[in-house]
């Protein structure tokens, strides 16, 4: 059995994405252009970044045995993401989303369905591969499974990285079990009841992570590390599509962290990779193929 650098645990989704000139009113009508179908999901997208940057990764998750599930597996395998531990659940439908992207701004609205797959359970978590890895990374969807994985990882000294995109009941059980806790602004507002990032992050520190970050979209990110607040601005680009930008940030951040980079360099690198992904349509559309492309982008932006 191969030793993996990073093990991802989370949802696998097939995204239907298209561009619209503008968002219509309710009961309105607008043409959907440049429609594409591609795999997505927070953890899967972060793993794709790591795989392109040369790391050995695998995904523990579920798809249905429908056509969308087979397409998702093929997409992951094309990107050198190991799918040996991806469960194909019989007679179930794969998670799916429909994402119209506003042409002028790149903003998008996500309509999604969990499908009919059942949640990952603790029994689906493979202890042997976790203890042999450098890090695990997960989103919030399968709470019971990720709590089990985090407990195994922490006991073994394996880095635990979390993408807190949306609040799920039971997520509090992860307190004290996460090393890298990166939350979306919407998660912070829902969990903390607080719109001010600095105040909200103080409550997020309850999770006891070494790094606590909130991503703020075009406003950049704010981080608490060694009791210091670090504000990193976003790289300004003319966004085509913001889908997947946060997920790319997570993958790029974990890459820098595993390489032992300075925290500010890691955050800037993650911010740059996220910005690059916004330059093309789709969750994976603009993901750079190697780290050097990100550094070149950073140099050009700084000039």
C-alpha atoms as a PDB file:
ATOM      1  CA  UNK A   1       0.000   0.000   0.000  1.00  0.00           C
ATOM      2  CA  UNK A   2       1.318   3.413  -0.976  1.00  0.00           C
ATOM      3  CA  UNK A   3       2.127   6.036   1.630  1.00  0.00           C
ATOM      4  CA  UNK A   4       0.217   9.219   0.854  1.00  0.00           C
ATOM      5  CA  UNK A   5       1.316  12.774   1.530  1.00  0.00           C
ATOM      6  CA  UNK A   6      -2.272  13.924   2.058  1.00  0.00           C
ATOM      7  CA  UNK A   7      -5.513  12.037   2.587  1.00  0.00           C
ATOM      8  CA  UNK A   8      -8.691  13.926   1.739  1.00  0.00           C
ATOM      9  CA  UNK A   9     -12.039  13.079   3.308  1.00  0.00           C
ATOM     10  CA  UNK A  10     -15.131  14.692   1.888  1.00  0.00           C
ATOM     11  CA  UNK A  11     -17.778  15.197  -0.694  1.00  0.00           C
ATOM     12  CA  UNK A  12     -17.462  14.526  -4.399  1.00  0.00           C
ATOM     13  CA  UNK A  13     -19.734  16.505  -6.664  1.00  0.00           C
ATOM     14  CA  UNK A  14     -20.417  17.012 -10.345  1.00  0.00           C
ATOM     15  CA  UNK A  15     -20.846  20.682 -11.218  1.00  0.00           C
ATOM     16  CA  UNK A  16     -22.955  21.990 -14.077  1.00  0.00           C
ATOM     17  CA  UNK A  17     -21.576  25.496 -14.697  1.00  0.00           C
ATOM     18  CA  UNK A  18     -22.619  28.138 -17.175  1.00  0.00           C
ATOM     19  CA  UNK A  19     -22.322  31.885 -17.640  1.00  0.00           C
ATOM     20  CA  UNK A  20     -25.247  34.320 -17.628  1.00  0.00           C
ATOM     21  CA  UNK A  21     -25.284  37.943 -18.738  1.00  0.00           C
ATOM     22  CA  UNK A  22     -27.148  38.839 -15.544  1.00  0.00           C
ATOM     23  CA  UNK A  23     -29.239  37.180 -12.861  1.00  0.00           C
ATOM     24  CA  UNK A  24     -32.949  37.287 -13.708  1.00  0.00           C
ATOM     25  CA  UNK A  25     -35.733  38.117 -11.306  1.00  0.00           C
ATOM     26  CA  UNK A  26     -37.794  35.262  -9.893  1.00  0.00           C
ATOM     27  CA  UNK A  27     -39.788  33.717 -12.768  1.00  0.00           C
ATOM     28  CA  UNK A  28     -37.454  35.533 -15.148  1.00  0.00           C
ATOM     29  CA  UNK A  29     -35.521  33.940 -17.977  1.00  0.00           C
ATOM     30  CA  UNK A  30     -31.931  34.246 -19.198  1.00  0.00           C
ATOM     31  CA  UNK A  31     -29.754  32.184 -21.522  1.00  0.00           C
ATOM     32  CA  UNK A  32     -27.105  29.961 -19.968  1.00  0.00           C
ATOM     33  CA  UNK A  33     -23.881  30.128 -22.005  1.00  0.00           C
ATOM     34  CA  UNK A  34     -20.630  28.140 -22.108  1.00  0.00           C
ATOM     35  CA  UNK A  35     -22.117  25.260 -20.135  1.00  0.00           C
ATOM     36  CA  UNK A  36     -19.589  22.791 -18.757  1.00  0.00           C
ATOM     37  CA  UNK A  37     -19.788  19.671 -16.610  1.00  0.00           C
ATOM     38  CA  UNK A  38     -16.861  18.888 -14.323  1.00  0.00           C
ATOM     39  CA  UNK A  39     -16.100  17.300 -10.984  1.00  0.00           C
ATOM     40  CA  UNK A  40     -15.926  19.434  -7.870  1.00  0.00           C
ATOM     41  CA  UNK A  41     -16.334  19.425  -4.114  1.00  0.00           C
ATOM     42  CA  UNK A  42     -14.198  21.285  -1.548  1.00  0.00           C
ATOM     43  CA  UNK A  43     -11.852  18.475  -0.562  1.00  0.00           C
ATOM     44  CA  UNK A  44     -11.534  17.033  -4.059  1.00  0.00           C
ATOM     45  CA  UNK A  45     -10.553  20.448  -5.429  1.00  0.00           C
ATOM     46  CA  UNK A  46      -7.948  20.995  -2.711  1.00  0.00           C
ATOM     47  CA  UNK A  47      -6.479  17.567  -3.480  1.00  0.00           C
ATOM     48  CA  UNK A  48      -6.287  18.431  -7.159  1.00  0.00           C
ATOM     49  CA  UNK A  49      -4.059  21.395  -6.297  1.00  0.00           C
ATOM     50  CA  UNK A  50      -1.779  19.169  -4.227  1.00  0.00           C
ATOM     51  CA  UNK A  51      -1.658  16.493  -6.936  1.00  0.00           C
ATOM     52  CA  UNK A  52      -0.692  19.028  -9.609  1.00  0.00           C
ATOM     53  CA  UNK A  53       2.044  20.319  -7.306  1.00  0.00           C
ATOM     54  CA  UNK A  54       3.553  16.835  -7.112  1.00  0.00           C
ATOM     55  CA  UNK A  55       2.105  15.367  -3.944  1.00  0.00           C
ATOM     56  CA  UNK A  56       0.750  11.827  -3.595  1.00  0.00           C
ATOM     57  CA  UNK A  57      -2.900  12.119  -2.539  1.00  0.00           C
ATOM     58  CA  UNK A  58      -5.966   9.950  -2.087  1.00  0.00           C
ATOM     59  CA  UNK A  59      -9.637  10.644  -1.425  1.00  0.00           C
ATOM     60  CA  UNK A  60     -11.952   8.897   1.010  1.00  0.00           C
ATOM     61  CA  UNK A  61     -15.504   9.732  -0.019  1.00  0.00           C
ATOM     62  CA  UNK A  62     -18.615   8.475  -1.761  1.00  0.00           C
ATOM     63  CA  UNK A  63     -20.284   8.659  -5.130  1.00  0.00           C
ATOM     64  CA  UNK A  64     -23.325   6.906  -6.476  1.00  0.00           C
ATOM     65  CA  UNK A  65     -23.084   4.184  -9.086  1.00  0.00           C
ATOM     66  CA  UNK A  66     -24.752   6.480 -11.617  1.00  0.00           C
ATOM     67  CA  UNK A  67     -23.195   8.086 -14.693  1.00  0.00           C
ATOM     68  CA  UNK A  68     -22.215  11.224 -12.732  1.00  0.00           C
ATOM     69  CA  UNK A  69     -20.362   9.081 -10.184  1.00  0.00           C
ATOM     70  CA  UNK A  70     -18.382   7.366 -12.923  1.00  0.00           C
ATOM     71  CA  UNK A  71     -17.553  10.733 -14.512  1.00  0.00           C
ATOM     72  CA  UNK A  72     -16.339  12.090 -11.168  1.00  0.00           C
ATOM     73  CA  UNK A  73     -14.019   9.122 -10.679  1.00  0.00           C
ATOM     74  CA  UNK A  74     -12.587   9.500 -14.177  1.00  0.00           C
ATOM     75  CA  UNK A  75     -11.965  13.227 -13.621  1.00  0.00           C
ATOM     76  CA  UNK A  76     -10.116  12.543 -10.365  1.00  0.00           C
ATOM     77  CA  UNK A  77      -8.003   9.779 -11.859  1.00  0.00           C
ATOM     78  CA  UNK A  78      -6.989  12.003 -14.785  1.00  0.00           C
ATOM     79  CA  UNK A  79      -5.508  14.374 -12.213  1.00  0.00           C
ATOM     80  CA  UNK A  80      -3.526  11.575 -10.511  1.00  0.00           C
ATOM     81  CA  UNK A  81      -5.761  11.520  -7.440  1.00  0.00           C
ATOM     82  CA  UNK A  82      -5.910   7.998  -6.028  1.00  0.00           C
ATOM     83  CA  UNK A  83      -9.515   6.733  -5.838  1.00  0.00           C
ATOM     84  CA  UNK A  84      -8.883   3.349  -4.225  1.00  0.00           C
ATOM     85  CA  UNK A  85     -10.844   4.388  -1.126  1.00  0.00           C
ATOM     86  CA  UNK A  86     -13.689   6.150  -2.920  1.00  0.00           C
ATOM     87  CA  UNK A  87     -16.873   4.189  -2.267  1.00  0.00           C
ATOM     88  CA  UNK A  88     -19.301   3.610  -5.140  1.00  0.00           C
ATOM     89  CA  UNK A  89     -22.651   3.181  -3.424  1.00  0.00           C
ATOM     90  CA  UNK A  90     -25.127   0.951  -5.250  1.00  0.00           C
ATOM     91  CA  UNK A  91     -28.405   2.396  -6.493  1.00  0.00           C
ATOM     92  CA  UNK A  92     -27.541   5.888  -5.204  1.00  0.00           C
ATOM     93  CA  UNK A  93     -27.301   9.274  -6.915  1.00  0.00           C
ATOM     94  CA  UNK A  94     -24.092  11.330  -6.816  1.00  0.00           C
ATOM     95  CA  UNK A  95     -24.077  14.831  -5.352  1.00  0.00           C
ATOM     96  CA  UNK A  96     -24.725  17.462  -8.016  1.00  0.00           C
ATOM     97  CA  UNK A  97     -24.721  21.249  -8.318  1.00  0.00           C
ATOM     98  CA  UNK A  98     -25.924  23.860 -10.793  1.00  0.00           C
ATOM     99  CA  UNK A  99     -23.890  27.061 -10.841  1.00  0.00           C
ATOM    100  CA  UNK A 100     -24.806  30.112 -12.935  1.00  0.00           C
ATOM    101  CA  UNK A 101     -21.923  32.579 -13.098  1.00  0.00           C
ATOM    102  CA  UNK A 102     -22.543  36.273 -13.747  1.00  0.00           C
ATOM    103  CA  UNK A 103     -20.512  37.287 -16.803  1.00  0.00           C
ATOM    104  CA  UNK A 104     -19.485  40.782 -15.719  1.00  0.00           C
ATOM    105  CA  UNK A 105     -18.530  40.138 -12.078  1.00  0.00           C
ATOM    106  CA  UNK A 106     -17.633  36.434 -11.965  1.00  0.00           C
ATOM    107  CA  UNK A 107     -19.928  36.028  -8.976  1.00  0.00           C
ATOM    108  CA  UNK A 108     -21.896  32.811  -8.818  1.00  0.00           C
ATOM    109  CA  UNK A 109     -24.862  31.224  -7.098  1.00  0.00           C
ATOM    110  CA  UNK A 110     -24.714  27.550  -6.164  1.00  0.00           C
ATOM    111  CA  UNK A 111     -27.761  25.287  -6.212  1.00  0.00           C
ATOM    112  CA  UNK A 112     -26.790  21.846  -4.944  1.00  0.00           C
ATOM    113  CA  UNK A 113     -28.194  18.501  -3.922  1.00  0.00           C
ATOM    114  CA  UNK A 114     -26.539  15.918  -1.689  1.00  0.00           C
ATOM    115  CA  UNK A 115     -27.919  13.249  -3.985  1.00  0.00           C
ATOM    116  CA  UNK A 116     -29.014  10.050  -2.270  1.00  0.00           C
ATOM    117  CA  UNK A 117     -25.638   8.730  -1.102  1.00  0.00           C
ATOM    118  CA  UNK A 118     -25.485   7.968   2.607  1.00  0.00           C
ATOM    119  CA  UNK A 119     -22.935   9.787   4.810  1.00  0.00           C
ATOM    120  CA  UNK A 120     -19.465   8.402   5.390  1.00  0.00           C
ATOM    121  CA  UNK A 121     -19.271   6.634   8.729  1.00  0.00           C
ATOM    122  CA  UNK A 122     -16.347   6.089  11.134  1.00  0.00           C
ATOM    123  CA  UNK A 123     -16.041   2.509   9.860  1.00  0.00           C
ATOM    124  CA  UNK A 124     -15.226   3.903   6.402  1.00  0.00           C
ATOM    125  CA  UNK A 125     -12.095   5.645   7.712  1.00  0.00           C
ATOM    126  CA  UNK A 126      -8.874   3.701   7.089  1.00  0.00           C
ATOM    127  CA  UNK A 127      -6.646   4.061  10.148  1.00  0.00           C
ATOM    128  CA  UNK A 128      -3.659   2.369   8.522  1.00  0.00           C
ATOM    129  CA  UNK A 129      -3.297   4.880   5.697  1.00  0.00           C
ATOM    130  CA  UNK A 130      -3.926   7.886   7.957  1.00  0.00           C
ATOM    131  CA  UNK A 131      -1.127   7.055  10.382  1.00  0.00           C
ATOM    132  CA  UNK A 132       1.273   6.659   7.451  1.00  0.00           C
ATOM    133  CA  UNK A 133       0.412  10.027   5.894  1.00  0.00           C
ATOM    134  CA  UNK A 134       1.754  13.548   6.466  1.00  0.00           C
ATOM    135  CA  UNK A 135      -1.652  15.234   6.682  1.00  0.00           C
ATOM    136  CA  UNK A 136      -5.376  14.768   6.339  1.00  0.00           C
ATOM    137  CA  UNK A 137      -7.681  17.411   4.897  1.00  0.00           C
ATOM    138  CA  UNK A 138     -11.472  17.432   5.063  1.00  0.00           C
ATOM    139  CA  UNK A 139     -14.588  19.528   4.625  1.00  0.00           C
ATOM    140  CA  UNK A 140     -17.486  19.597   7.061  1.00  0.00           C
ATOM    141  CA  UNK A 141     -20.069  17.389   5.370  1.00  0.00           C
ATOM    142  CA  UNK A 142     -19.509  13.971   7.041  1.00  0.00           C
ATOM    143  CA  UNK A 143     -19.092  14.975  10.692  1.00  0.00           C
ATOM    144  CA  UNK A 144     -18.951  11.523  12.295  1.00  0.00           C
ATOM    145  CA  UNK A 145     -16.307  10.316   9.851  1.00  0.00           C
ATOM    146  CA  UNK A 146     -14.085  13.390  10.069  1.00  0.00           C
ATOM    147  CA  UNK A 147     -14.139  13.370  13.879  1.00  0.00           C
ATOM    148  CA  UNK A 148     -12.934   9.759  13.786  1.00  0.00           C
ATOM    149  CA  UNK A 149     -10.222  10.623  11.257  1.00  0.00           C
ATOM    150  CA  UNK A 150      -9.076  13.662  13.252  1.00  0.00           C
ATOM    151  CA  UNK A 151      -8.766  11.604  16.435  1.00  0.00           C
ATOM    152  CA  UNK A 152      -6.631   9.009  14.658  1.00  0.00           C
ATOM    153  CA  UNK A 153      -4.446  11.663  13.047  1.00  0.00           C
ATOM    154  CA  UNK A 154      -3.856  13.672  16.224  1.00  0.00           C
ATOM    155  CA  UNK A 155      -2.808  10.582  18.170  1.00  0.00           C
ATOM    156  CA  UNK A 156      -0.314   9.757  15.410  1.00  0.00           C
ATOM    157  CA  UNK A 157       1.137  13.250  14.990  1.00  0.00           C
ATOM    158  CA  UNK A 158      -0.417  13.649  11.531  1.00  0.00           C
ATOM    159  CA  UNK A 159      -1.381  17.217  10.549  1.00  0.00           C
ATOM    160  CA  UNK A 160      -5.144  17.853  10.552  1.00  0.00           C
ATOM    161  CA  UNK A 161      -6.413  20.483   8.076  1.00  0.00           C
ATOM    162  CA  UNK A 162     -10.051  21.573   7.929  1.00  0.00           C
ATOM    163  CA  UNK A 163     -12.078  23.473   5.364  1.00  0.00           C
ATOM    164  CA  UNK A 164     -14.956  24.944   7.398  1.00  0.00           C
ATOM    165  CA  UNK A 165     -17.139  26.107   4.553  1.00  0.00           C
ATOM    166  CA  UNK A 166     -20.565  25.685   6.116  1.00  0.00           C
ATOM    167  CA  UNK A 167     -21.756  24.950   9.632  1.00  0.00           C
ATOM    168  CA  UNK A 168     -22.886  21.390  10.317  1.00  0.00           C
ATOM    169  CA  UNK A 169     -24.326  20.168  13.601  1.00  0.00           C
ATOM    170  CA  UNK A 170     -21.735  18.294  15.654  1.00  0.00           C
ATOM    171  CA  UNK A 171     -18.748  20.163  14.270  1.00  0.00           C
ATOM    172  CA  UNK A 172     -17.890  21.284  17.820  1.00  0.00           C
ATOM    173  CA  UNK A 173     -16.565  17.771  18.441  1.00  0.00           C
ATOM    174  CA  UNK A 174     -13.500  18.759  16.426  1.00  0.00           C
ATOM    175  CA  UNK A 175     -12.314  21.223  19.076  1.00  0.00           C
ATOM    176  CA  UNK A 176      -8.753  20.345  20.050  1.00  0.00           C
ATOM    177  CA  UNK A 177      -8.354  18.009  17.070  1.00  0.00           C
ATOM    178  CA  UNK A 178      -7.493  20.443  14.238  1.00  0.00           C
ATOM    179  CA  UNK A 179      -4.107  22.009  13.401  1.00  0.00           C
ATOM    180  CA  UNK A 180      -5.063  24.171  10.408  1.00  0.00           C
ATOM    181  CA  UNK A 181      -8.579  25.613  10.673  1.00  0.00           C
ATOM    182  CA  UNK A 182      -9.554  27.692   7.626  1.00  0.00           C
ATOM    183  CA  UNK A 183     -13.134  28.947   7.597  1.00  0.00           C
ATOM    184  CA  UNK A 184     -15.222  30.862   5.105  1.00  0.00           C
ATOM    185  CA  UNK A 185     -16.702  34.207   6.054  1.00  0.00           C
ATOM    186  CA  UNK A 186     -20.183  32.665   5.977  1.00  0.00           C
ATOM    187  CA  UNK A 187     -19.134  29.911   8.412  1.00  0.00           C
ATOM    188  CA  UNK A 188     -17.727  32.534  10.782  1.00  0.00           C
ATOM    189  CA  UNK A 189     -20.947  34.551  10.682  1.00  0.00           C
ATOM    190  CA  UNK A 190     -23.158  31.508  11.262  1.00  0.00           C
ATOM    191  CA  UNK A 191     -21.029  29.849  13.939  1.00  0.00           C
ATOM    192  CA  UNK A 192     -19.948  32.976  15.790  1.00  0.00           C
ATOM    193  CA  UNK A 193     -22.938  35.217  15.162  1.00  0.00           C
ATOM    194  CA  UNK A 194     -20.393  37.854  14.314  1.00  0.00           C
ATOM    195  CA  UNK A 195     -19.648  39.782  11.124  1.00  0.00           C
ATOM    196  CA  UNK A 196     -16.457  41.397  12.376  1.00  0.00           C
ATOM    197  CA  UNK A 197     -13.583  39.058  11.400  1.00  0.00           C
ATOM    198  CA  UNK A 198     -11.324  39.906  14.346  1.00  0.00           C
ATOM    199  CA  UNK A 199     -14.091  39.336  16.885  1.00  0.00           C
ATOM    200  CA  UNK A 200     -15.325  36.228  15.094  1.00  0.00           C
ATOM    201  CA  UNK A 201     -11.868  34.701  14.941  1.00  0.00           C
ATOM    202  CA  UNK A 202     -11.476  34.925  18.689  1.00  0.00           C
ATOM    203  CA  UNK A 203     -14.397  32.527  18.999  1.00  0.00           C
ATOM    204  CA  UNK A 204     -13.002  30.293  16.262  1.00  0.00           C
ATOM    205  CA  UNK A 205      -9.856  29.970  18.386  1.00  0.00           C
ATOM    206  CA  UNK A 206     -11.976  27.655  20.557  1.00  0.00           C
ATOM    207  CA  UNK A 207     -11.061  24.903  18.093  1.00  0.00           C
ATOM    208  CA  UNK A 208      -7.472  25.139  19.373  1.00  0.00           C
ATOM    209  CA  UNK A 209      -5.786  25.139  15.966  1.00  0.00           C
ATOM    210  CA  UNK A 210      -2.208  26.271  15.385  1.00  0.00           C
ATOM    211  CA  UNK A 211      -3.456  28.368  12.468  1.00  0.00           C
ATOM    212  CA  UNK A 212      -6.920  29.927  12.373  1.00  0.00           C
ATOM    213  CA  UNK A 213      -7.840  31.695   9.142  1.00  0.00           C
ATOM    214  CA  UNK A 214     -10.990  33.252   7.717  1.00  0.00           C
ATOM    215  CA  UNK A 215     -11.109  33.767   3.955  1.00  0.00           C
ATOM    216  CA  UNK A 216     -12.893  36.955   2.915  1.00  0.00           C
ATOM    217  CA  UNK A 217     -13.132  36.622  -0.863  1.00  0.00           C
ATOM    218  CA  UNK A 218     -12.000  39.758  -2.664  1.00  0.00           C
ATOM    219  CA  UNK A 219     -11.035  41.247   0.712  1.00  0.00           C
ATOM    220  CA  UNK A 220      -8.306  38.653   1.242  1.00  0.00           C
ATOM    221  CA  UNK A 221      -7.898  36.706   4.464  1.00  0.00           C
ATOM    222  CA  UNK A 222      -7.199  37.233   8.136  1.00  0.00           C
ATOM    223  CA  UNK A 223      -5.229  34.795  10.277  1.00  0.00           C
ATOM    224  CA  UNK A 224      -4.327  34.235  13.906  1.00  0.00           C
ATOM    225  CA  UNK A 225      -0.943  32.545  14.287  1.00  0.00           C
ATOM    226  CA  UNK A 226       1.151  32.638  17.472  1.00  0.00           C
ATOM    227  CA  UNK A 227      -1.401  35.131  18.886  1.00  0.00           C
ATOM    228  CA  UNK A 228      -0.683  37.562  16.029  1.00  0.00           C
ATOM    229  CA  UNK A 229      -3.303  38.855  13.581  1.00  0.00           C
ATOM    230  CA  UNK A 230      -2.102  38.637   9.975  1.00  0.00           C
ATOM    231  CA  UNK A 231      -4.073  40.352   7.202  1.00  0.00           C
ATOM    232  CA  UNK A 232      -3.262  39.272   3.649  1.00  0.00           C
ATOM    233  CA  UNK A 233      -4.942  41.180   0.799  1.00  0.00           C
ATOM    234  CA  UNK A 234      -6.393  39.346  -2.164  1.00  0.00           C
ATOM    235  CA  UNK A 235      -4.665  39.541  -5.546  1.00  0.00           C
ATOM    236  CA  UNK A 236      -6.876  41.730  -7.700  1.00  0.00           C
ATOM    237  CA  UNK A 237      -7.982  40.054 -10.916  1.00  0.00           C
ATOM    238  CA  UNK A 238     -10.851  40.412 -13.363  1.00  0.00           C
ATOM    239  CA  UNK A 239     -12.700  37.318 -12.191  1.00  0.00           C
ATOM    240  CA  UNK A 240     -14.356  35.057 -14.728  1.00  0.00           C
ATOM    241  CA  UNK A 241     -15.694  32.660 -12.083  1.00  0.00           C
ATOM    242  CA  UNK A 242     -15.076  32.535  -8.318  1.00  0.00           C
ATOM    243  CA  UNK A 243     -16.206  28.897  -8.001  1.00  0.00           C
ATOM    244  CA  UNK A 244     -13.617  26.838  -6.137  1.00  0.00           C
ATOM    245  CA  UNK A 245     -11.391  29.767  -5.155  1.00  0.00           C
ATOM    246  CA  UNK A 246     -11.622  28.978  -1.450  1.00  0.00           C
ATOM    247  CA  UNK A 247     -10.950  25.286  -2.072  1.00  0.00           C
ATOM    248  CA  UNK A 248      -7.845  26.127  -4.103  1.00  0.00           C
ATOM    249  CA  UNK A 249      -6.710  28.390  -1.248  1.00  0.00           C
ATOM    250  CA  UNK A 250      -6.909  25.406   1.131  1.00  0.00           C
ATOM    251  CA  UNK A 251      -4.904  23.119  -1.121  1.00  0.00           C
ATOM    252  CA  UNK A 252      -2.218  25.714  -1.795  1.00  0.00           C
ATOM    253  CA  UNK A 253      -1.985  26.655   1.874  1.00  0.00           C
ATOM    254  CA  UNK A 254      -1.532  23.035   2.913  1.00  0.00           C
ATOM    255  CA  UNK A 255       1.163  22.625   0.255  1.00  0.00           C
ATOM    256  CA  UNK A 256       3.142  25.556   1.647  1.00  0.00           C
ATOM    257  CA  UNK A 257       2.651  24.399   5.221  1.00  0.00           C
ATOM    258  CA  UNK A 258       3.946  20.912   4.435  1.00  0.00           C
ATOM    259  CA  UNK A 259       6.949  22.465   2.708  1.00  0.00           C
ATOM    260  CA  UNK A 260       7.765  24.354   5.918  1.00  0.00           C
ATOM    261  CA  UNK A 261       7.331  27.842   4.484  1.00  0.00           C
ATOM    262  CA  UNK A 262       6.948  31.009   6.534  1.00  0.00           C
ATOM    263  CA  UNK A 263       3.275  31.647   7.417  1.00  0.00           C
ATOM    264  CA  UNK A 264       3.081  34.889   5.416  1.00  0.00           C
ATOM    265  CA  UNK A 265       4.647  33.308   2.345  1.00  0.00           C
ATOM    266  CA  UNK A 266       2.205  30.409   2.656  1.00  0.00           C
ATOM    267  CA  UNK A 267      -0.793  32.732   2.908  1.00  0.00           C
ATOM    268  CA  UNK A 268       0.317  34.873  -0.035  1.00  0.00           C
ATOM    269  CA  UNK A 269       0.953  31.750  -2.133  1.00  0.00           C
ATOM    270  CA  UNK A 270      -2.525  30.417  -1.292  1.00  0.00           C
ATOM    271  CA  UNK A 271      -4.099  33.776  -2.105  1.00  0.00           C
ATOM    272  CA  UNK A 272      -2.325  33.895  -5.470  1.00  0.00           C
ATOM    273  CA  UNK A 273      -3.369  30.364  -6.433  1.00  0.00           C
ATOM    274  CA  UNK A 274      -6.984  31.178  -5.530  1.00  0.00           C
ATOM    275  CA  UNK A 275      -6.885  34.330  -7.658  1.00  0.00           C
ATOM    276  CA  UNK A 276      -5.481  32.393 -10.619  1.00  0.00           C
ATOM    277  CA  UNK A 277      -8.352  29.938 -10.435  1.00  0.00           C
ATOM    278  CA  UNK A 278     -10.815  32.815 -10.798  1.00  0.00           C
ATOM    279  CA  UNK A 279      -9.466  33.560 -14.282  1.00  0.00           C
ATOM    280  CA  UNK A 280     -11.268  30.604 -15.898  1.00  0.00           C
ATOM    281  CA  UNK A 281     -14.686  28.984 -15.726  1.00  0.00           C
ATOM    282  CA  UNK A 282     -15.226  26.127 -13.276  1.00  0.00           C
ATOM    283  CA  UNK A 283     -13.943  24.974  -9.896  1.00  0.00           C
ATOM    284  CA  UNK A 284     -10.790  23.582 -11.549  1.00  0.00           C
ATOM    285  CA  UNK A 285     -10.629  25.895 -14.545  1.00  0.00           C
ATOM    286  CA  UNK A 286      -7.679  28.043 -13.562  1.00  0.00           C
ATOM    287  CA  UNK A 287      -5.759  25.858 -11.131  1.00  0.00           C
ATOM    288  CA  UNK A 288      -2.050  26.226 -11.934  1.00  0.00           C
ATOM    289  CA  UNK A 289      -0.247  23.096 -13.049  1.00  0.00           C
ATOM    290  CA  UNK A 290       2.846  23.651 -10.914  1.00  0.00           C
ATOM    291  CA  UNK A 291       3.997  25.918  -8.044  1.00  0.00           C
ATOM    292  CA  UNK A 292       6.318  27.880 -10.324  1.00  0.00           C
ATOM    293  CA  UNK A 293       3.302  29.268 -12.176  1.00  0.00           C
ATOM    294  CA  UNK A 294       2.009  30.699  -8.902  1.00  0.00           C
ATOM    295  CA  UNK A 295       5.342  32.334  -8.103  1.00  0.00           C
ATOM    296  CA  UNK A 296       5.476  33.852 -11.601  1.00  0.00           C
ATOM    297  CA  UNK A 297       1.961  35.239 -11.104  1.00  0.00           C
ATOM    298  CA  UNK A 298       2.985  36.728  -7.745  1.00  0.00           C
ATOM    299  CA  UNK A 299       6.026  38.429  -9.270  1.00  0.00           C
ATOM    300  CA  UNK A 300       3.967  39.932 -12.075  1.00  0.00           C
ATOM    301  CA  UNK A 301       1.287  41.129  -9.668  1.00  0.00           C
ATOM    302  CA  UNK A 302       3.847  42.737  -7.381  1.00  0.00           C
ATOM    303  CA  UNK A 303       5.412  44.576 -10.330  1.00  0.00           C
END
